[in-house]
Amino acid sequence: QVRGLCGTYNWNQQDEFTTPAGDVETGIAAFANKYRASSDCAMLSPVPLEPCDAFTGHRELAEDACAILHGPAFQ
């Protein structure tokens, strides 16, 4: 049996966000916050982050890395 951040792997998408307490969250941030290892960890906000905005200067690195996946070796 699998559960937690990996989901339940039972082909039922309705219970994929089951928390350690057994309730089912509807949002990704609320679900992930239930699995925080420490109260010292920051809570995730319900608004998704824009990675390119949050990590300025890393866009070029990410684009170079993704170019490999879009290249002929993976076609």
PDB file of N, CA and C in Angstrom:
ATOM      1  N   GLN A   1       0.837  -1.186   0.000  1.00  0.00           N
ATOM      2  CA  GLN A   1       0.000   0.000   0.000  1.00  0.00           C
ATOM      3  C   GLN A   1       0.873   1.238   0.000  1.00  0.00           C
ATOM      4  N   VAL A   2       0.499   2.181  -0.804  1.00  0.00           N
ATOM      5  CA  VAL A   2       1.226   3.433  -0.911  1.00  0.00           C
ATOM      6  C   VAL A   2       0.282   4.557  -0.498  1.00  0.00           C
ATOM      7  N   ARG A   3       0.821   5.532   0.205  1.00  0.00           N
ATOM      8  CA  ARG A   3       0.043   6.714   0.535  1.00  0.00           C
ATOM      9  C   ARG A   3       1.014   7.836   0.852  1.00  0.00           C
ATOM     10  N   GLY A   4       0.488   9.011   1.047  1.00  0.00           N
ATOM     11  CA  GLY A   4       1.351  10.145   1.336  1.00  0.00           C
ATOM     12  C   GLY A   4       1.541  11.002   0.116  1.00  0.00           C
ATOM     13  N   LEU A   5       2.702  11.614   0.030  1.00  0.00           N
ATOM     14  CA  LEU A   5       2.969  12.519  -1.082  1.00  0.00           C
ATOM     15  C   LEU A   5       2.969  11.805  -2.427  1.00  0.00           C
ATOM     16  N   CYS A   6       3.141  10.495  -2.431  1.00  0.00           N
ATOM     17  CA  CYS A   6       3.122   9.731  -3.678  1.00  0.00           C
ATOM     18  C   CYS A   6       1.710   9.365  -4.114  1.00  0.00           C
ATOM     19  N   GLY A   7       0.711   9.654  -3.304  1.00  0.00           N
ATOM     20  CA  GLY A   7      -0.654   9.260  -3.629  1.00  0.00           C
ATOM     21  C   GLY A   7      -0.936   7.857  -3.136  1.00  0.00           C
ATOM     22  N   THR A   8      -2.082   7.311  -3.535  1.00  0.00           N
ATOM     23  CA  THR A   8      -2.485   5.991  -3.053  1.00  0.00           C
ATOM     24  C   THR A   8      -2.250   4.894  -4.082  1.00  0.00           C
ATOM     25  N   TYR A   9      -2.066   5.278  -5.315  1.00  0.00           N
ATOM     26  CA  TYR A   9      -1.797   4.349  -6.415  1.00  0.00           C
ATOM     27  C   TYR A   9      -2.847   3.239  -6.487  1.00  0.00           C
ATOM     28  N   ASN A  10      -4.110   3.648  -6.373  1.00  0.00           N
ATOM     29  CA  ASN A  10      -5.205   2.678  -6.465  1.00  0.00           C
ATOM     30  C   ASN A  10      -6.151   3.008  -7.621  1.00  0.00           C
ATOM     31  N   TRP A  11      -5.710   3.867  -8.519  1.00  0.00           N
ATOM     32  CA  TRP A  11      -6.454   4.298  -9.700  1.00  0.00           C
ATOM     33  C   TRP A  11      -7.694   5.131  -9.358  1.00  0.00           C
ATOM     34  N   ASN A  12      -7.805   5.587  -8.127  1.00  0.00           N
ATOM     35  CA  ASN A  12      -8.905   6.452  -7.708  1.00  0.00           C
ATOM     36  C   ASN A  12      -8.342   7.843  -7.462  1.00  0.00           C
ATOM     37  N   GLN A  13      -8.550   8.748  -8.401  1.00  0.00           N
ATOM     38  CA  GLN A  13      -7.981  10.077  -8.274  1.00  0.00           C
ATOM     39  C   GLN A  13      -8.650  10.900  -7.186  1.00  0.00           C
ATOM     40  N   GLN A  14      -9.780  10.469  -6.674  1.00  0.00           N
ATOM     41  CA  GLN A  14     -10.494  11.221  -5.650  1.00  0.00           C
ATOM     42  C   GLN A  14      -9.797  11.175  -4.296  1.00  0.00           C
ATOM     43  N   ASP A  15      -8.901  10.223  -4.081  1.00  0.00           N
ATOM     44  CA  ASP A  15      -8.234  10.129  -2.774  1.00  0.00           C
ATOM     45  C   ASP A  15      -6.730  10.365  -2.839  1.00  0.00           C
ATOM     46  N   GLU A  16      -6.263  10.967  -3.924  1.00  0.00           N
ATOM     47  CA  GLU A  16      -4.821  11.191  -4.085  1.00  0.00           C
ATOM     48  C   GLU A  16      -4.249  12.163  -3.073  1.00  0.00           C
ATOM     49  N   PHE A  17      -5.040  13.114  -2.597  1.00  0.00           N
ATOM     50  CA  PHE A  17      -4.533  14.107  -1.649  1.00  0.00           C
ATOM     51  C   PHE A  17      -4.957  13.763  -0.222  1.00  0.00           C
ATOM     52  N   THR A  18      -4.917  12.478   0.128  1.00  0.00           N
ATOM     53  CA  THR A  18      -5.250  12.068   1.488  1.00  0.00           C
ATOM     54  C   THR A  18      -4.102  12.441   2.423  1.00  0.00           C
ATOM     55  N   THR A  19      -4.432  13.122   3.512  1.00  0.00           N
ATOM     56  CA  THR A  19      -3.429  13.612   4.464  1.00  0.00           C
ATOM     57  C   THR A  19      -3.131  12.554   5.520  1.00  0.00           C
ATOM     58  N   PRO A  20      -2.102  12.768   6.333  1.00  0.00           N
ATOM     59  CA  PRO A  20      -1.807  11.811   7.410  1.00  0.00           C
ATOM     60  C   PRO A  20      -2.987  11.632   8.374  1.00  0.00           C
ATOM     61  N   ALA A  21      -3.836  12.648   8.492  1.00  0.00           N
ATOM     62  CA  ALA A  21      -4.995  12.555   9.385  1.00  0.00           C
ATOM     63  C   ALA A  21      -6.154  11.796   8.737  1.00  0.00           C
ATOM     64  N   GLY A  22      -6.043  11.498   7.445  1.00  0.00           N
ATOM     65  CA  GLY A  22      -7.074  10.744   6.754  1.00  0.00           C
ATOM     66  C   GLY A  22      -8.071  11.586   5.988  1.00  0.00           C
ATOM     67  N   ASP A  23      -7.997  12.904   6.093  1.00  0.00           N
ATOM     68  CA  ASP A  23      -8.902  13.746   5.314  1.00  0.00           C
ATOM     69  C   ASP A  23      -8.313  13.978   3.929  1.00  0.00           C
ATOM     70  N   VAL A  24      -9.132  14.436   3.011  1.00  0.00           N
ATOM     71  CA  VAL A  24      -8.684  14.654   1.640  1.00  0.00           C
ATOM     72  C   VAL A  24      -8.701  16.157   1.357  1.00  0.00           C
ATOM     73  N   GLU A  25      -7.540  16.687   1.003  1.00  0.00           N
ATOM     74  CA  GLU A  25      -7.422  18.100   0.658  1.00  0.00           C
ATOM     75  C   GLU A  25      -7.739  18.290  -0.822  1.00  0.00           C
ATOM     76  N   THR A  26      -8.201  19.471  -1.177  1.00  0.00           N
ATOM     77  CA  THR A  26      -8.509  19.749  -2.574  1.00  0.00           C
ATOM     78  C   THR A  26      -7.426  20.555  -3.266  1.00  0.00           C
ATOM     79  N   GLY A  27      -6.545  21.204  -2.486  1.00  0.00           N
ATOM     80  CA  GLY A  27      -5.491  22.018  -3.078  1.00  0.00           C
ATOM     81  C   GLY A  27      -4.112  21.461  -2.787  1.00  0.00           C
ATOM     82  N   ILE A  28      -3.209  21.710  -3.692  1.00  0.00           N
ATOM     83  CA  ILE A  28      -1.845  21.205  -3.566  1.00  0.00           C
ATOM     84  C   ILE A  28      -1.130  21.797  -2.357  1.00  0.00           C
ATOM     85  N   ALA A  29      -1.248  23.110  -2.162  1.00  0.00           N
ATOM     86  CA  ALA A  29      -0.550  23.767  -1.053  1.00  0.00           C
ATOM     87  C   ALA A  29      -1.057  23.249   0.293  1.00  0.00           C
ATOM     88  N   ALA A  30      -2.370  23.146   0.456  1.00  0.00           N
ATOM     89  CA  ALA A  30      -2.934  22.648   1.714  1.00  0.00           C
ATOM     90  C   ALA A  30      -2.481  21.217   1.972  1.00  0.00           C
ATOM     91  N   PHE A  31      -2.444  20.409   0.920  1.00  0.00           N
ATOM     92  CA  PHE A  31      -2.000  19.021   1.042  1.00  0.00           C
ATOM     93  C   PHE A  31      -0.531  18.948   1.457  1.00  0.00           C
ATOM     94  N   ALA A  32       0.314  19.710   0.776  1.00  0.00           N
ATOM     95  CA  ALA A  32       1.746  19.687   1.081  1.00  0.00           C
ATOM     96  C   ALA A  32       2.020  20.212   2.481  1.00  0.00           C
ATOM     97  N   ASN A  33       1.267  21.205   2.922  1.00  0.00           N
ATOM     98  CA  ASN A  33       1.471  21.747   4.263  1.00  0.00           C
ATOM     99  C   ASN A  33       1.197  20.723   5.356  1.00  0.00           C
ATOM    100  N   LYS A  34       0.339  19.749   5.084  1.00  0.00           N
ATOM    101  CA  LYS A  34       0.057  18.705   6.076  1.00  0.00           C
ATOM    102  C   LYS A  34       1.260  17.778   6.280  1.00  0.00           C
ATOM    103  N   TYR A  35       2.185  17.774   5.335  1.00  0.00           N
ATOM    104  CA  TYR A  35       3.361  16.911   5.402  1.00  0.00           C
ATOM    105  C   TYR A  35       4.630  17.661   5.794  1.00  0.00           C
ATOM    106  N   ARG A  36       4.495  18.893   6.279  1.00  0.00           N
ATOM    107  CA  ARG A  36       5.690  19.632   6.711  1.00  0.00           C
ATOM    108  C   ARG A  36       6.363  18.860   7.840  1.00  0.00           C
ATOM    109  N   ALA A  37       7.662  18.712   7.744  1.00  0.00           N
ATOM    110  CA  ALA A  37       8.423  17.945   8.733  1.00  0.00           C
ATOM    111  C   ALA A  37       8.595  18.704  10.040  1.00  0.00           C
ATOM    112  N   SER A  38       8.527  20.012   9.993  1.00  0.00           N
ATOM    113  CA  SER A  38       8.760  20.821  11.173  1.00  0.00           C
ATOM    114  C   SER A  38       7.924  22.093  11.076  1.00  0.00           C
ATOM    115  N   SER A  39       7.478  22.582  12.211  1.00  0.00           N
ATOM    116  CA  SER A  39       6.746  23.846  12.195  1.00  0.00           C
ATOM    117  C   SER A  39       7.681  25.009  11.847  1.00  0.00           C
ATOM    118  N   ASP A  40       8.985  24.756  11.845  1.00  0.00           N
ATOM    119  CA  ASP A  40       9.943  25.777  11.428  1.00  0.00           C
ATOM    120  C   ASP A  40       9.910  25.993   9.913  1.00  0.00           C
ATOM    121  N   CYS A  41       9.406  25.012   9.170  1.00  0.00           N
ATOM    122  CA  CYS A  41       9.313  25.127   7.718  1.00  0.00           C
ATOM    123  C   CYS A  41       8.196  26.097   7.363  1.00  0.00           C
ATOM    124  N   ALA A  42       8.424  26.887   6.361  1.00  0.00           N
ATOM    125  CA  ALA A  42       7.416  27.860   5.929  1.00  0.00           C
ATOM    126  C   ALA A  42       6.219  27.151   5.320  1.00  0.00           C
ATOM    127  N   MET A  43       5.033  27.703   5.575  1.00  0.00           N
ATOM    128  CA  MET A  43       3.813  27.187   4.961  1.00  0.00           C
ATOM    129  C   MET A  43       3.807  27.604   3.489  1.00  0.00           C
ATOM    130  N   LEU A  44       3.318  26.733   2.631  1.00  0.00           N
ATOM    131  CA  LEU A  44       3.165  27.076   1.227  1.00  0.00           C
ATOM    132  C   LEU A  44       1.926  27.930   1.056  1.00  0.00           C
ATOM    133  N   SER A  45       1.989  28.876   0.167  1.00  0.00           N
ATOM    134  CA  SER A  45       0.812  29.692  -0.107  1.00  0.00           C
ATOM    135  C   SER A  45      -0.032  28.981  -1.150  1.00  0.00           C
ATOM    136  N   PRO A  46      -1.330  29.246  -1.178  1.00  0.00           N
ATOM    137  CA  PRO A  46      -2.184  28.580  -2.162  1.00  0.00           C
ATOM    138  C   PRO A  46      -1.947  29.049  -3.589  1.00  0.00           C
ATOM    139  N   VAL A  47      -1.262  30.171  -3.751  1.00  0.00           N
ATOM    140  CA  VAL A  47      -0.981  30.676  -5.093  1.00  0.00           C
ATOM    141  C   VAL A  47       0.288  29.998  -5.598  1.00  0.00           C
ATOM    142  N   PRO A  48       0.235  29.336  -6.752  1.00  0.00           N
ATOM    143  CA  PRO A  48       1.435  28.671  -7.262  1.00  0.00           C
ATOM    144  C   PRO A  48       2.552  29.666  -7.565  1.00  0.00           C
ATOM    145  N   LEU A  49       3.750  29.268  -7.262  1.00  0.00           N
ATOM    146  CA  LEU A  49       4.915  30.101  -7.564  1.00  0.00           C
ATOM    147  C   LEU A  49       5.227  30.038  -9.047  1.00  0.00           C
ATOM    148  N   GLU A  50       5.738  31.115  -9.548  1.00  0.00           N
ATOM    149  CA  GLU A  50       6.267  31.131 -10.901  1.00  0.00           C
ATOM    150  C   GLU A  50       7.776  30.923 -10.768  1.00  0.00           C
ATOM    151  N   PRO A  51       8.282  29.746 -11.091  1.00  0.00           N
ATOM    152  CA  PRO A  51       9.697  29.453 -10.875  1.00  0.00           C
ATOM    153  C   PRO A  51      10.644  30.465 -11.499  1.00  0.00           C
ATOM    154  N   CYS A  52      10.306  30.962 -12.674  1.00  0.00           N
ATOM    155  CA  CYS A  52      11.209  31.912 -13.327  1.00  0.00           C
ATOM    156  C   CYS A  52      11.232  33.243 -12.594  1.00  0.00           C
ATOM    157  N   ASP A  53      10.129  33.605 -11.937  1.00  0.00           N
ATOM    158  CA  ASP A  53      10.102  34.838 -11.161  1.00  0.00           C
ATOM    159  C   ASP A  53      10.783  34.649  -9.811  1.00  0.00           C
ATOM    160  N   ALA A  54      10.590  33.477  -9.199  1.00  0.00           N
ATOM    161  CA  ALA A  54      11.136  33.217  -7.873  1.00  0.00           C
ATOM    162  C   ALA A  54      12.648  33.009  -7.907  1.00  0.00           C
ATOM    163  N   PHE A  55      13.165  32.507  -9.011  1.00  0.00           N
ATOM    164  CA  PHE A  55      14.590  32.190  -9.103  1.00  0.00           C
ATOM    165  C   PHE A  55      15.189  32.898 -10.312  1.00  0.00           C
ATOM    166  N   THR A  56      15.238  34.206 -10.237  1.00  0.00           N
ATOM    167  CA  THR A  56      15.768  34.964 -11.359  1.00  0.00           C
ATOM    168  C   THR A  56      17.208  34.543 -11.641  1.00  0.00           C
ATOM    169  N   GLY A  57      17.532  34.497 -12.885  1.00  0.00           N
ATOM    170  CA  GLY A  57      18.878  34.087 -13.292  1.00  0.00           C
ATOM    171  C   GLY A  57      18.980  32.598 -13.573  1.00  0.00           C
ATOM    172  N   HIS A  58      17.983  31.827 -13.193  1.00  0.00           N
ATOM    173  CA  HIS A  58      18.020  30.386 -13.426  1.00  0.00           C
ATOM    174  C   HIS A  58      17.248  29.989 -14.685  1.00  0.00           C
ATOM    175  N   ARG A  59      16.546  30.944 -15.276  1.00  0.00           N
ATOM    176  CA  ARG A  59      15.750  30.635 -16.458  1.00  0.00           C
ATOM    177  C   ARG A  59      16.622  30.067 -17.579  1.00  0.00           C
ATOM    178  N   GLU A  60      17.758  30.716 -17.850  1.00  0.00           N
ATOM    179  CA  GLU A  60      18.635  30.251 -18.921  1.00  0.00           C
ATOM    180  C   GLU A  60      19.151  28.847 -18.630  1.00  0.00           C
ATOM    181  N   LEU A  61      19.518  28.589 -17.389  1.00  0.00           N
ATOM    182  CA  LEU A  61      19.991  27.260 -17.009  1.00  0.00           C
ATOM    183  C   LEU A  61      18.903  26.216 -17.241  1.00  0.00           C
ATOM    184  N   ALA A  62      17.673  26.528 -16.850  1.00  0.00           N
ATOM    185  CA  ALA A  62      16.553  25.601 -17.032  1.00  0.00           C
ATOM    186  C   ALA A  62      16.266  25.373 -18.512  1.00  0.00           C
ATOM    187  N   GLU A  63      16.308  26.431 -19.291  1.00  0.00           N
ATOM    188  CA  GLU A  63      16.054  26.291 -20.724  1.00  0.00           C
ATOM    189  C   GLU A  63      17.123  25.443 -21.395  1.00  0.00           C
ATOM    190  N   ASP A  64      18.370  25.598 -20.988  1.00  0.00           N
ATOM    191  CA  ASP A  64      19.452  24.777 -21.540  1.00  0.00           C
ATOM    192  C   ASP A  64      19.262  23.308 -21.172  1.00  0.00           C
ATOM    193  N   ALA A  65      18.868  23.066 -19.923  1.00  0.00           N
ATOM    194  CA  ALA A  65      18.663  21.679 -19.479  1.00  0.00           C
ATOM    195  C   ALA A  65      17.479  21.049 -20.202  1.00  0.00           C
ATOM    196  N   CYS A  66      16.405  21.805 -20.378  1.00  0.00           N
ATOM    197  CA  CYS A  66      15.225  21.277 -21.060  1.00  0.00           C
ATOM    198  C   CYS A  66      15.458  21.078 -22.547  1.00  0.00           C
ATOM    199  N   ALA A  67      16.379  21.851 -23.114  1.00  0.00           N
ATOM    200  CA  ALA A  67      16.669  21.721 -24.540  1.00  0.00           C
ATOM    201  C   ALA A  67      17.149  20.309 -24.861  1.00  0.00           C
ATOM    202  N   ILE A  68      17.826  19.689 -23.938  1.00  0.00           N
ATOM    203  CA  ILE A  68      18.288  18.308 -24.143  1.00  0.00           C
ATOM    204  C   ILE A  68      17.095  17.377 -24.311  1.00  0.00           C
ATOM    205  N   LEU A  69      16.063  17.570 -23.472  1.00  0.00           N
ATOM    206  CA  LEU A  69      14.873  16.719 -23.552  1.00  0.00           C
ATOM    207  C   LEU A  69      14.079  16.943 -24.823  1.00  0.00           C
ATOM    208  N   HIS A  70      14.154  18.154 -25.363  1.00  0.00           N
ATOM    209  CA  HIS A  70      13.454  18.469 -26.594  1.00  0.00           C
ATOM    210  C   HIS A  70      14.299  18.193 -27.823  1.00  0.00           C
ATOM    211  N   GLY A  71      15.522  17.760 -27.623  1.00  0.00           N
ATOM    212  CA  GLY A  71      16.445  17.521 -28.730  1.00  0.00           C
ATOM    213  C   GLY A  71      16.242  16.181 -29.407  1.00  0.00           C
ATOM    214  N   PRO A  72      17.051  15.894 -30.403  1.00  0.00           N
ATOM    215  CA  PRO A  72      16.891  14.684 -31.215  1.00  0.00           C
ATOM    216  C   PRO A  72      17.086  13.382 -30.435  1.00  0.00           C
ATOM    217  N   ALA A  73      17.838  13.397 -29.363  1.00  0.00           N
ATOM    218  CA  ALA A  73      18.074  12.166 -28.614  1.00  0.00           C
ATOM    219  C   ALA A  73      16.796  11.608 -27.999  1.00  0.00           C
ATOM    220  N   PHE A  74      15.802  12.460 -27.767  1.00  0.00           N
ATOM    221  CA  PHE A  74      14.571  12.003 -27.136  1.00  0.00           C
ATOM    222  C   PHE A  74      13.358  12.073 -28.070  1.00  0.00           C
ATOM    223  N   GLN A  75      13.607  12.134 -29.354  1.00  0.00           N
ATOM    224  CA  GLN A  75      12.491  12.233 -30.299  1.00  0.00           C
ATOM    225  C   GLN A  75      11.958  10.877 -30.681  1.00  0.00           C
TER     226      GLN A  75
END
